[in-house]
């Protein structure tokens, strides 16, 4: 039976109505508006006959309420300042001399960081960045506070987080939260501050004040399932919480997911696999808390039955005419590209590895396919990483007028193409042999940044040893998917554990540990400029991460060889000469 094409007149009025309702809801998790939004999603789905439900998850929330920056000797100097989620709560304020770090965005050696720590101790630091790893260093160096100057020219102030913990913390994680107040100011006010700082001969004293509410709340997590013939399912997700009204981040993503539910409900009788759609809370003020809670509570179900996670974040943005795909690397390139080509007439601008963010909480869950659509304008004028590159990202100005319904319909159609394949076709669009090659290239690139004593050849050798078995397994899967595809899925999932994680399946890397082989990325340093203590720590890190990767790769190779040998005994003939 041919698949149904999505119908604009059926879906877009519902999508647009939801956007207009969400445009009046400030959906920060833990708020009444967020709960109204969750109830509204379920109500819309139930209205059209879907069996939607609300899960309830407890989350640790950090709500930034107020930020202030004043200069003790210049009482008439004022600027707007915004604090960060998981900044330290300092309602009485802290006073200290300002110190500008002109190299805050540059790489430093270990010895240079030690010198820097002496400079920033006891100071309120002005910097051109406010990433979590930098804030962690400031806390360790006993700096008094951080003033982050936004890098692009928009006057709007952006909400953000400095929380280093992915999801809800464990008791040991508590010690990692920042101990200093952090605020952000816009570029114009930052230049005014720096001008005064440079003109002042003595110390320039500043008062930094932050007000936050850290609390635990039970948050709603809407879920809808559209069953297929098998127990396998695709997980489609978007975060429904937002900073302010957050229409492009992420009401548009929420509405797209509703459209997918309505569209594929019409085809439920023909679906080979099910579609599970989740709308996460806690993306913003719980650092991906909702998706992490789901991974923790449904780990076995995900590992046994989920074949793909597609995250939807900020589609349908004004001026975002170019399509980019972020993908794990295990996906068939043609599968990813053809959906975009079919809708737009052009391939995506590029396909890049998934970065650190976007509710990618499932690397240890055994899911083989992970990808997400992103979009950017022809010319980017803001440092904004979201909302299609729009300057309004994470600001009060992320309103309904920032939506382009034509672009949102384009993005809906692209997702229909992807889902149509995944939900109907027996063969998953996996290209594990190509993924192995990408992992080898990434490993080689990383090796060039490391000291020679951190030899990655043992990992490379095990990746190479998987090449022929992966090719043979792919051929067997194409011929007998019901017999061999589960093993191919396990291989892809194991490679994700090696390439995207540095810990076990039950924990999460810190929010700023990303890139290919995140546990080894930390070794990229000049050991000649590294202290004896740090060198010892790095050597220990290297050995543990090397052995972890080698063990994971060796174990999956042994599993493949064992299953192929068993198949050979069962059939009396060898499955493929490629396993020798």
Protein backbone atom coordinates (compact mmCIF):
# COMPACT_ATOMS: atom_id res chain seq x y z
CA UNK A 1 0.00 0.00 0.00
CA UNK A 2 1.57 3.35 -0.99
CA UNK A 3 2.29 5.78 1.84
CA UNK A 4 0.07 8.79 2.27
CA UNK A 5 1.50 12.22 1.50
CA UNK A 6 0.98 14.85 4.21
CA UNK A 7 -1.80 17.31 3.42
CA UNK A 8 -1.11 20.96 4.22
CA UNK A 9 -4.79 21.85 4.61
CA UNK A 10 -5.25 19.09 7.19
CA UNK A 11 -2.15 19.62 9.30
CA UNK A 12 -1.03 23.24 9.13
CA UNK A 13 -4.18 24.83 10.59
CA UNK A 14 -3.72 22.61 13.67
CA UNK A 15 0.01 23.43 13.77
CA UNK A 16 -0.62 27.16 13.47
CA UNK A 17 -3.35 27.15 16.12
CA UNK A 18 -1.00 25.40 18.56
CA UNK A 19 1.75 27.94 17.84
CA UNK A 20 -0.58 30.84 18.52
CA UNK A 21 -1.64 29.32 21.83
CA UNK A 22 1.94 28.57 22.85
CA UNK A 23 2.92 32.14 21.94
CA UNK A 24 1.17 33.28 25.15
CA UNK A 25 2.72 30.67 27.44
CA UNK A 26 6.08 31.21 29.17
CA UNK A 27 6.91 27.54 29.49
CA UNK A 28 9.85 27.31 31.88
CA UNK A 29 9.67 23.88 33.50
CA UNK A 30 8.07 23.99 36.94
CA UNK A 31 5.81 26.90 36.01
CA UNK A 32 2.05 26.88 35.64
CA UNK A 33 2.41 27.84 31.97
CA UNK A 34 4.61 24.82 31.32
CA UNK A 35 2.00 22.52 32.84
CA UNK A 36 -0.70 24.22 30.79
CA UNK A 37 1.35 23.59 27.67
CA UNK A 38 1.76 19.89 28.51
CA UNK A 39 -1.97 19.55 29.11
CA UNK A 40 -2.70 21.38 25.86
CA UNK A 41 -0.51 18.98 23.87
CA UNK A 42 -2.33 15.99 25.31
CA UNK A 43 -5.72 17.65 24.76
CA UNK A 44 -4.99 18.31 21.08
CA UNK A 45 -3.80 14.74 20.52
CA UNK A 46 -6.77 13.23 22.31
CA UNK A 47 -9.15 15.46 20.35
CA UNK A 48 -7.98 13.69 17.20
CA UNK A 49 -8.28 10.21 18.65
CA UNK A 50 -4.76 9.58 19.88
CA UNK A 51 -4.17 7.90 23.23
CA UNK A 52 -1.81 10.52 24.66
CA UNK A 53 -0.76 10.48 28.31
CA UNK A 54 1.32 12.43 30.81
CA UNK A 55 4.31 10.91 32.56
CA UNK A 56 5.43 12.68 35.75
CA UNK A 57 9.12 13.22 36.41
CA UNK A 58 10.83 14.96 39.34
CA UNK A 59 13.48 17.41 38.18
CA UNK A 60 16.05 19.65 39.85
CA UNK A 61 15.39 23.10 38.39
CA UNK A 62 17.48 26.26 38.50
CA UNK A 63 15.47 29.34 37.55
CA UNK A 64 17.45 32.52 36.86
CA UNK A 65 15.41 35.44 38.22
CA UNK A 66 17.62 38.52 38.44
CA UNK A 67 21.11 39.64 37.55
CA UNK A 68 22.78 42.91 38.35
CA UNK A 69 26.11 44.60 37.69
CA UNK A 70 27.10 47.92 39.25
CA UNK A 71 30.37 49.83 39.65
CA UNK A 72 31.14 51.00 43.19
CA UNK A 73 32.94 54.20 42.15
CA UNK A 74 30.63 55.04 39.25
CA UNK A 75 27.08 55.00 40.66
CA UNK A 76 25.62 56.50 37.48
CA UNK A 77 26.93 53.68 35.31
CA UNK A 78 24.21 51.15 34.52
CA UNK A 79 23.65 48.20 32.25
CA UNK A 80 21.19 45.36 31.91
CA UNK A 81 22.51 41.99 33.08
CA UNK A 82 21.06 38.50 33.07
CA UNK A 83 22.18 35.64 35.26
CA UNK A 84 22.54 32.03 34.15
CA UNK A 85 20.71 28.87 35.19
CA UNK A 86 22.82 27.04 37.82
CA UNK A 87 24.87 30.14 38.56
CA UNK A 88 25.49 30.64 42.27
CA UNK A 89 22.62 32.37 44.10
CA UNK A 90 24.07 35.62 45.50
CA UNK A 91 21.16 37.93 46.36
CA UNK A 92 23.30 40.10 48.66
CA UNK A 93 25.84 40.58 45.91
CA UNK A 94 29.60 40.21 45.84
CA UNK A 95 32.11 43.02 45.46
CA UNK A 96 35.56 42.64 43.94
CA UNK A 97 37.95 44.25 41.47
CA UNK A 98 37.32 43.54 37.82
CA UNK A 99 39.83 41.62 35.71
CA UNK A 100 39.54 41.29 31.95
CA UNK A 101 40.66 38.01 30.40
CA UNK A 102 41.37 38.88 26.75
CA UNK A 103 42.29 35.26 25.94
CA UNK A 104 39.20 33.61 27.38
CA UNK A 105 38.33 32.00 24.03
CA UNK A 106 41.90 30.88 23.30
CA UNK A 107 43.56 27.57 24.11
CA UNK A 108 45.93 27.59 27.07
CA UNK A 109 48.52 25.11 28.27
CA UNK A 110 48.32 23.63 31.75
CA UNK A 111 51.03 25.98 33.03
CA UNK A 112 49.27 28.96 31.46
CA UNK A 113 46.05 27.95 33.21
CA UNK A 114 47.96 27.85 36.50
CA UNK A 115 49.24 31.39 35.92
CA UNK A 116 45.74 32.48 34.91
CA UNK A 117 44.33 31.04 38.14
CA UNK A 118 46.58 33.35 40.15
CA UNK A 119 45.37 36.34 38.12
CA UNK A 120 41.66 35.67 38.52
CA UNK A 121 41.66 34.66 42.20
CA UNK A 122 39.54 37.11 44.16
CA UNK A 123 38.42 38.96 41.00
CA UNK A 124 35.22 39.43 39.07
CA UNK A 125 36.33 38.31 35.64
CA UNK A 126 35.17 39.91 32.40
CA UNK A 127 35.33 37.41 29.54
CA UNK A 128 34.14 36.89 25.99
CA UNK A 129 32.65 33.50 26.84
CA UNK A 130 30.65 31.83 29.57
CA UNK A 131 30.87 28.13 28.79
CA UNK A 132 30.59 25.62 31.59
CA UNK A 133 34.20 24.44 31.48
CA UNK A 134 35.44 28.03 31.81
CA UNK A 135 33.09 28.62 34.75
CA UNK A 136 34.38 25.41 36.34
CA UNK A 137 37.93 26.72 36.10
CA UNK A 138 36.89 30.06 37.59
CA UNK A 139 35.25 28.29 40.52
CA UNK A 140 38.36 26.19 41.12
CA UNK A 141 40.57 29.30 40.95
CA UNK A 142 38.39 31.05 43.56
CA UNK A 143 37.31 33.85 41.29
CA UNK A 144 34.52 35.98 42.75
CA UNK A 145 32.30 36.17 39.67
CA UNK A 146 32.01 36.23 35.89
CA UNK A 147 30.67 38.88 33.51
CA UNK A 148 30.21 37.34 30.08
CA UNK A 149 30.13 39.80 27.17
CA UNK A 150 27.92 38.44 24.37
CA UNK A 151 29.83 38.13 21.11
CA UNK A 152 27.41 39.55 18.53
CA UNK A 153 25.80 42.95 18.26
CA UNK A 154 22.12 42.35 19.14
CA UNK A 155 20.93 44.29 22.17
CA UNK A 156 18.74 41.45 23.45
CA UNK A 157 20.01 39.41 26.40
CA UNK A 158 20.11 35.64 25.96
CA UNK A 159 19.17 33.07 28.58
CA UNK A 160 21.64 30.23 29.10
CA UNK A 161 22.97 27.76 31.65
CA UNK A 162 26.33 27.15 33.28
CA UNK A 163 25.31 23.81 34.78
CA UNK A 164 27.94 21.17 34.05
CA UNK A 165 25.77 18.16 34.98
CA UNK A 166 23.73 16.42 32.28
CA UNK A 167 20.27 15.88 33.71
CA UNK A 168 19.54 15.35 37.40
CA UNK A 169 22.69 15.12 39.53
CA UNK A 170 23.78 12.33 41.82
CA UNK A 171 25.12 13.22 45.31
CA UNK A 172 28.70 13.39 44.05
CA UNK A 173 27.66 15.74 41.25
CA UNK A 174 26.54 18.40 43.72
CA UNK A 175 30.14 19.54 44.24
CA UNK A 176 30.51 20.44 40.56
CA UNK A 177 27.95 23.23 40.47
CA UNK A 178 29.37 26.76 40.20
CA UNK A 179 30.16 28.59 43.44
CA UNK A 180 30.35 32.02 41.83
CA UNK A 181 27.71 34.35 40.36
CA UNK A 182 27.58 34.57 36.57
CA UNK A 183 25.89 37.24 34.48
CA UNK A 184 25.81 38.09 30.80
CA UNK A 185 25.64 41.56 29.26
CA UNK A 186 25.25 42.57 25.64
CA UNK A 187 28.14 43.54 23.40
CA UNK A 188 27.45 47.29 23.49
CA UNK A 189 27.42 47.43 27.29
CA UNK A 190 30.42 45.14 27.38
CA UNK A 191 32.44 47.56 25.28
CA UNK A 192 31.39 50.44 27.54
CA UNK A 193 32.54 48.43 30.55
CA UNK A 194 35.88 47.57 28.97
CA UNK A 195 36.48 51.18 27.96
CA UNK A 196 36.00 52.31 31.56
CA UNK A 197 38.12 49.39 32.81
CA UNK A 198 41.02 50.44 30.58
CA UNK A 199 40.72 54.10 31.52
CA UNK A 200 40.77 53.44 35.26
CA UNK A 201 44.27 53.56 36.73
CA UNK A 202 43.54 51.60 39.89
CA UNK A 203 41.24 48.66 40.59
CA UNK A 204 37.74 49.04 39.21
CA UNK A 205 35.40 47.65 41.88
CA UNK A 206 32.19 45.98 40.77
CA UNK A 207 29.14 44.62 42.57
CA UNK A 208 27.72 41.46 41.08
CA UNK A 209 24.29 40.23 42.17
CA UNK A 210 22.36 37.13 41.12
CA UNK A 211 19.01 35.79 42.25
CA UNK A 212 18.05 32.22 41.37
CA UNK A 213 15.56 29.69 42.64
CA UNK A 214 16.79 26.12 42.80
CA UNK A 215 14.03 23.66 43.56
CA UNK A 216 12.60 20.22 42.81
CA UNK A 217 9.33 20.04 40.91
CA UNK A 218 7.25 17.26 39.42
CA UNK A 219 7.07 18.06 35.70
CA UNK A 220 4.77 16.62 33.08
CA UNK A 221 6.17 14.68 30.13
CA UNK A 222 3.60 14.14 27.34
CA UNK A 223 3.87 10.85 25.45
CA UNK A 224 1.89 9.37 22.58
CA UNK A 225 2.33 5.94 21.00
CA UNK A 226 1.16 4.86 17.57
CA UNK A 227 1.60 1.10 17.49
CA UNK A 228 3.09 -0.85 14.62
CA UNK A 229 3.09 -4.57 13.81
CA UNK A 230 6.27 -5.19 15.81
CA UNK A 231 7.55 -4.09 19.22
CA UNK A 232 10.16 -1.89 17.55
CA UNK A 233 9.59 1.85 17.54
CA UNK A 234 11.06 5.18 16.53
CA UNK A 235 11.44 7.82 19.25
CA UNK A 236 10.62 11.32 17.96
CA UNK A 237 11.21 14.04 20.54
CA UNK A 238 11.15 17.76 21.18
CA UNK A 239 11.43 19.84 24.33
CA UNK A 240 8.27 21.77 25.13
CA UNK A 241 9.75 23.91 27.90
CA UNK A 242 11.20 27.23 26.83
CA UNK A 243 12.80 30.45 27.87
CA UNK A 244 9.98 32.99 27.80
CA UNK A 245 7.40 32.19 25.09
CA UNK A 246 10.04 30.45 22.95
CA UNK A 247 7.98 30.15 19.78
CA UNK A 248 10.87 29.04 17.56
CA UNK A 249 12.62 27.32 20.48
CA UNK A 250 10.71 25.16 20.63
CA UNK A 251 6.98 25.60 20.02
CA UNK A 252 7.58 24.99 16.31
CA UNK A 253 9.24 21.67 17.14
CA UNK A 254 6.34 20.71 19.41
CA UNK A 255 3.83 21.52 16.67
CA UNK A 256 5.81 19.53 14.08
CA UNK A 257 5.70 16.51 16.39
CA UNK A 258 1.93 16.89 16.76
CA UNK A 259 1.65 16.98 12.96
CA UNK A 260 3.68 13.74 12.72
CA UNK A 261 1.37 12.07 15.24
CA UNK A 262 -1.74 13.09 13.29
CA UNK A 263 -0.27 12.10 9.95
CA UNK A 264 0.98 8.64 10.93
CA UNK A 265 -2.13 7.88 12.96
CA UNK A 266 -3.89 7.69 9.59
CA UNK A 267 -1.47 4.94 8.53
CA UNK A 268 -1.39 2.95 11.75
CA UNK A 269 -2.75 -0.19 10.06
CA UNK A 270 0.25 -0.29 7.70
CA UNK A 271 3.08 0.49 10.12
CA UNK A 272 5.77 -2.14 10.54
CA UNK A 273 7.19 -0.26 13.53
CA UNK A 274 5.57 1.98 16.09
CA UNK A 275 6.08 5.71 16.56
CA UNK A 276 6.60 7.03 20.08
CA UNK A 277 6.62 10.81 20.46
CA UNK A 278 7.88 12.51 23.62
CA UNK A 279 7.79 16.17 24.56
CA UNK A 280 10.56 16.78 27.10
CA UNK A 281 10.44 19.11 30.10
CA UNK A 282 13.60 20.36 31.77
CA UNK A 283 15.64 21.01 28.63
CA UNK A 284 16.37 24.59 29.67
CA UNK A 285 16.46 24.91 33.46
CA UNK A 286 17.25 21.26 34.29
CA UNK A 287 19.97 20.72 31.69
CA UNK A 288 18.18 18.06 29.60
CA UNK A 289 16.52 16.73 32.74
CA UNK A 290 13.40 15.34 31.05
CA UNK A 291 15.14 13.27 28.38
CA UNK A 292 17.68 12.04 30.93
CA UNK A 293 14.89 10.99 33.29
CA UNK A 294 13.29 9.08 30.43
CA UNK A 295 16.57 7.36 29.56
CA UNK A 296 17.02 6.37 33.22
CA UNK A 297 13.49 5.04 33.61
CA UNK A 298 13.03 3.30 30.26
CA UNK A 299 16.54 2.05 29.60
CA UNK A 300 15.58 -1.57 28.99
CA UNK A 301 12.66 -0.71 26.69
CA UNK A 302 14.83 1.64 24.67
CA UNK A 303 17.64 -0.87 24.40
CA UNK A 304 15.39 -3.72 23.30
CA UNK A 305 12.94 -1.93 21.00
CA UNK A 306 13.96 1.62 19.97
CA UNK A 307 15.65 1.74 16.58
CA UNK A 308 16.04 5.52 16.13
CA UNK A 309 15.95 8.80 18.03
CA UNK A 310 15.06 11.88 16.00
CA UNK A 311 15.22 15.12 17.95
CA UNK A 312 13.27 18.15 16.72
CA UNK A 313 14.54 21.51 17.90
CA UNK A 314 13.72 24.89 16.34
CA UNK A 315 12.30 24.08 12.90
CA UNK A 316 10.29 26.62 10.90
CA UNK A 317 12.41 29.67 11.69
CA UNK A 318 12.26 32.88 9.71
CA UNK A 319 15.12 33.21 7.17
CA UNK A 320 16.40 29.69 7.93
CA UNK A 321 16.40 28.60 4.31
CA UNK A 322 19.38 26.22 4.42
CA UNK A 323 19.04 22.69 5.77
CA UNK A 324 21.79 21.04 7.80
CA UNK A 325 21.59 17.52 9.21
CA UNK A 326 23.31 16.48 12.41
CA UNK A 327 23.72 12.70 12.52
CA UNK A 328 25.58 10.06 14.47
CA UNK A 329 27.46 8.76 11.42
CA UNK A 330 25.86 5.31 11.35
CA UNK A 331 23.07 6.41 9.02
CA UNK A 332 23.04 5.85 5.27
CA UNK A 333 23.88 9.19 3.69
CA UNK A 334 21.38 8.62 0.88
CA UNK A 335 18.60 8.08 3.40
CA UNK A 336 19.33 11.40 5.10
CA UNK A 337 19.83 13.34 1.88
CA UNK A 338 16.97 11.96 -0.18
CA UNK A 339 14.33 13.28 2.21
CA UNK A 340 15.70 16.80 1.88
CA UNK A 341 16.18 16.43 -1.87
CA UNK A 342 12.62 15.20 -2.35
CA UNK A 343 11.14 18.20 -0.54
CA UNK A 344 13.48 21.05 -1.52
CA UNK A 345 14.97 19.85 -4.79
CA UNK A 346 18.44 20.19 -3.28
CA UNK A 347 20.56 18.10 -0.92
CA UNK A 348 21.26 19.43 2.58
CA UNK A 349 24.02 21.99 2.86
CA UNK A 350 26.03 19.50 4.91
CA UNK A 351 25.77 16.51 7.23
CA UNK A 352 27.79 16.89 10.42
CA UNK A 353 28.30 14.77 13.55
CA UNK A 354 25.90 15.41 16.39
CA UNK A 355 27.19 17.95 18.87
CA UNK A 356 26.82 18.14 22.61
CA UNK A 357 23.22 19.21 23.21
CA UNK A 358 19.75 18.74 21.79
CA UNK A 359 18.59 16.20 24.40
CA UNK A 360 21.10 13.63 23.14
CA UNK A 361 20.69 11.63 26.34
CA UNK A 362 20.61 8.17 24.78
CA UNK A 363 24.17 7.19 23.81
CA UNK A 364 24.17 4.38 26.36
CA UNK A 365 20.66 3.17 25.53
CA UNK A 366 21.47 0.88 22.61
CA UNK A 367 19.74 2.98 19.94
CA UNK A 368 21.47 2.67 16.53
CA UNK A 369 20.20 5.76 14.66
CA UNK A 370 20.41 9.31 16.02
CA UNK A 371 19.86 12.38 13.87
CA UNK A 372 18.26 15.82 13.77
CA UNK A 373 17.42 18.50 11.25
CA UNK A 374 18.96 21.92 11.76
CA UNK A 375 18.57 25.05 9.67
CA UNK A 376 20.52 28.24 9.17
CA UNK A 377 20.12 31.51 7.23
CA UNK A 378 22.09 32.39 4.12
CA UNK A 379 24.06 34.90 6.18
CA UNK A 380 24.52 34.45 9.92
CA UNK A 381 24.79 37.71 11.85
CA UNK A 382 24.40 36.44 15.42
CA UNK A 383 26.30 34.12 17.73
CA UNK A 384 22.98 32.41 18.37
CA UNK A 385 23.38 28.61 18.06
CA UNK A 386 19.63 27.98 17.88
CA UNK A 387 16.36 29.29 16.41
CA UNK A 388 17.76 28.83 12.92
CA UNK A 389 20.60 31.24 13.73
CA UNK A 390 18.15 33.99 14.63
CA UNK A 391 19.30 36.70 17.04
CA UNK A 392 16.12 36.22 19.11
CA UNK A 393 17.16 32.75 20.37
CA UNK A 394 16.61 32.38 24.16
CA UNK A 395 15.27 35.93 24.47
CA UNK A 396 11.94 37.62 25.18
CA UNK A 397 11.75 38.38 21.46
CA UNK A 398 11.29 34.75 20.37
CA UNK A 399 7.71 35.45 19.36
CA UNK A 400 5.22 34.23 16.77
CA UNK A 401 6.47 36.68 14.12
CA UNK A 402 9.79 34.78 14.00
CA UNK A 403 8.04 31.75 12.48
CA UNK A 404 7.94 31.05 8.75
CA UNK A 405 5.05 28.66 8.15
CA UNK A 406 6.34 27.75 4.67
CA UNK A 407 9.69 26.70 6.15
CA UNK A 408 7.90 24.83 8.92
CA UNK A 409 5.87 22.93 6.32
CA UNK A 410 9.11 22.11 4.49
CA UNK A 411 10.52 20.70 7.73
CA UNK A 412 7.33 18.71 8.37
CA UNK A 413 7.60 17.08 4.96
CA UNK A 414 11.26 16.18 5.47
CA UNK A 415 10.39 14.42 8.72
CA UNK A 416 7.52 12.59 7.03
CA UNK A 417 9.99 11.17 4.48
CA UNK A 418 12.37 10.00 7.20
CA UNK A 419 9.65 8.51 9.36
CA UNK A 420 7.86 6.90 6.44
CA UNK A 421 11.00 4.89 5.68
CA UNK A 422 11.75 3.95 9.27
CA UNK A 423 8.20 2.94 10.08
CA UNK A 424 7.54 0.89 6.96
CA UNK A 425 10.77 -0.61 5.61
CA UNK A 426 12.20 -3.83 7.06
CA UNK A 427 15.81 -2.77 6.50
CA UNK A 428 17.11 0.07 8.64
CA UNK A 429 19.21 2.70 6.84
CA UNK A 430 22.42 1.70 8.60
CA UNK A 431 25.88 1.97 7.07
CA UNK A 432 28.13 0.63 9.77
CA UNK A 433 31.09 0.06 7.43
CA UNK A 434 31.05 3.76 6.53
CA UNK A 435 30.66 4.66 10.20
CA UNK A 436 33.79 2.67 11.04
CA UNK A 437 35.70 4.64 8.41
CA UNK A 438 34.46 7.92 9.88
CA UNK A 439 35.50 6.79 13.35
CA UNK A 440 38.97 5.91 12.06
CA UNK A 441 39.32 9.32 10.43
CA UNK A 442 38.18 11.07 13.61
CA UNK A 443 40.63 8.98 15.65
CA UNK A 444 43.46 9.90 13.31
CA UNK A 445 42.56 13.59 13.54
CA UNK A 446 42.55 13.35 17.33
CA UNK A 447 45.89 11.50 17.37
CA UNK A 448 47.50 14.44 15.59
CA UNK A 449 46.51 16.69 18.49
CA UNK A 450 47.89 14.38 21.18
CA UNK A 451 51.35 13.78 22.54
CA UNK A 452 52.88 10.64 20.96
CA UNK A 453 52.80 8.87 24.33
CA UNK A 454 49.02 8.79 24.02
CA UNK A 455 49.01 6.15 21.30
CA UNK A 456 45.56 5.51 19.85
CA UNK A 457 46.73 2.67 17.59
CA UNK A 458 45.25 -0.06 19.83
CA UNK A 459 41.81 1.48 19.30
CA UNK A 460 42.42 1.90 15.57
CA UNK A 461 43.47 -1.75 15.29
CA UNK A 462 40.21 -2.92 16.83
CA UNK A 463 38.17 -0.65 14.60
CA UNK A 464 39.99 -2.08 11.59
CA UNK A 465 39.36 -5.61 12.83
CA UNK A 466 35.64 -4.89 12.67
CA UNK A 467 35.65 -3.81 9.03
CA UNK A 468 35.24 -7.16 7.32
CA UNK A 469 32.81 -8.57 9.90
CA UNK A 470 30.73 -5.37 9.56
CA UNK A 471 30.61 -5.71 5.79
CA UNK A 472 29.66 -9.37 6.05
CA UNK A 473 27.00 -8.61 8.66
CA UNK A 474 25.57 -5.86 6.44
CA UNK A 475 25.28 -8.33 3.54
CA UNK A 476 23.65 -10.94 5.74
CA UNK A 477 21.21 -8.37 7.10
CA UNK A 478 20.20 -7.32 3.59
CA UNK A 479 19.40 -10.96 2.79
CA UNK A 480 17.86 -11.95 6.15
CA UNK A 481 16.99 -8.87 8.23
CA UNK A 482 14.87 -10.85 10.67
CA UNK A 483 17.94 -12.99 11.51
CA UNK A 484 20.82 -10.53 11.41
CA UNK A 485 19.59 -6.94 11.81
CA UNK A 486 19.49 -7.11 15.62
CA UNK A 487 23.22 -7.85 15.65
CA UNK A 488 23.90 -5.00 13.24
CA UNK A 489 21.96 -2.71 15.60
CA UNK A 490 24.10 -3.88 18.52
CA UNK A 491 27.25 -3.13 16.54
CA UNK A 492 26.11 0.42 15.73
CA UNK A 493 25.09 1.01 19.35
CA UNK A 494 28.45 -0.22 20.62
CA UNK A 495 30.28 2.09 18.24
CA UNK A 496 28.20 4.99 19.61
CA UNK A 497 29.34 4.12 23.11
CA UNK A 498 32.95 4.32 21.95
CA UNK A 499 32.61 7.45 19.84
CA UNK A 500 30.13 9.57 21.79
CA UNK A 501 30.60 8.63 25.44
CA UNK A 502 33.37 8.18 27.97
CA UNK A 503 31.39 6.58 30.76
CA UNK A 504 29.15 3.58 31.38
CA UNK A 505 25.54 3.20 30.25
CA UNK A 506 24.15 4.43 33.57
CA UNK A 507 25.93 7.78 33.80
CA UNK A 508 26.36 10.82 31.59
CA UNK A 509 29.38 12.79 30.54
CA UNK A 510 29.68 16.36 31.75
CA UNK A 511 27.84 18.83 29.56
CA UNK A 512 31.04 20.25 28.11
CA UNK A 513 32.77 16.95 27.28
CA UNK A 514 31.93 16.46 23.63
CA UNK A 515 33.51 15.73 20.29
CA UNK A 516 34.56 12.36 18.93
CA UNK A 517 35.93 10.14 21.73
CA UNK A 518 35.11 12.69 24.46
CA UNK A 519 37.15 10.91 27.12
CA UNK A 520 40.27 11.23 24.95
CA UNK A 521 39.64 14.81 23.84
CA UNK A 522 40.81 15.95 27.26
CA UNK A 523 44.33 14.72 26.45
CA UNK A 524 44.92 17.31 23.72
CA UNK A 525 47.69 19.27 25.43
CA UNK A 526 51.41 19.96 25.16
CA UNK A 527 52.95 17.79 27.87
CA UNK A 528 56.05 19.97 27.83
CA UNK A 529 53.85 22.72 29.26
CA UNK A 530 52.01 20.46 31.68
CA UNK A 531 52.70 20.03 35.37
CA UNK A 532 53.80 16.71 36.82
CA UNK A 533 50.48 16.28 38.64
CA UNK A 534 48.35 16.99 35.57
CA UNK A 535 50.54 14.73 33.42
CA UNK A 536 49.97 11.83 35.80
CA UNK A 537 46.22 12.45 35.70
CA UNK A 538 46.25 12.56 31.91
CA UNK A 539 48.20 9.31 31.67
CA UNK A 540 45.64 7.67 33.95
CA UNK A 541 42.80 9.06 31.85
CA UNK A 542 44.44 7.78 28.69
CA UNK A 543 44.90 4.25 29.98
CA UNK A 544 41.35 3.96 31.24
CA UNK A 545 39.76 5.42 28.12
CA UNK A 546 41.98 3.39 25.78
CA UNK A 547 41.16 0.17 27.60
CA UNK A 548 37.45 1.01 27.78
CA UNK A 549 37.27 1.57 24.02
CA UNK A 550 39.33 -1.53 23.25
CA UNK A 551 37.20 -3.67 25.54
CA UNK A 552 33.92 -2.50 24.00
CA UNK A 553 35.20 -3.09 20.47
CA UNK A 554 36.73 -6.46 21.30
CA UNK A 555 33.51 -7.64 22.94
CA UNK A 556 31.26 -6.76 20.01
CA UNK A 557 33.73 -8.38 17.59
CA UNK A 558 33.60 -11.55 19.69
CA UNK A 559 29.79 -11.44 19.68
CA UNK A 560 29.70 -11.16 15.88
CA UNK A 561 32.17 -13.97 15.42
CA UNK A 562 30.29 -16.18 17.88
CA UNK A 563 26.92 -15.62 16.19
CA UNK A 564 28.36 -16.21 12.73
CA UNK A 565 30.07 -19.36 13.90
CA UNK A 566 26.80 -20.58 15.40
CA UNK A 567 25.00 -19.82 12.12
CA UNK A 568 27.68 -21.79 10.28
CA UNK A 569 27.12 -24.81 12.51
CA UNK A 570 23.34 -24.53 12.16
CA UNK A 571 23.43 -24.36 8.37
CA UNK A 572 26.48 -26.50 7.72
CA UNK A 573 28.05 -23.75 5.65
CA UNK A 574 29.97 -20.58 6.32
CA UNK A 575 27.90 -17.34 6.30
CA UNK A 576 30.63 -15.30 4.67
CA UNK A 577 34.33 -15.54 3.98
CA UNK A 578 34.63 -11.92 5.15
CA UNK A 579 34.64 -13.10 8.77
CA UNK A 580 38.01 -14.79 8.47
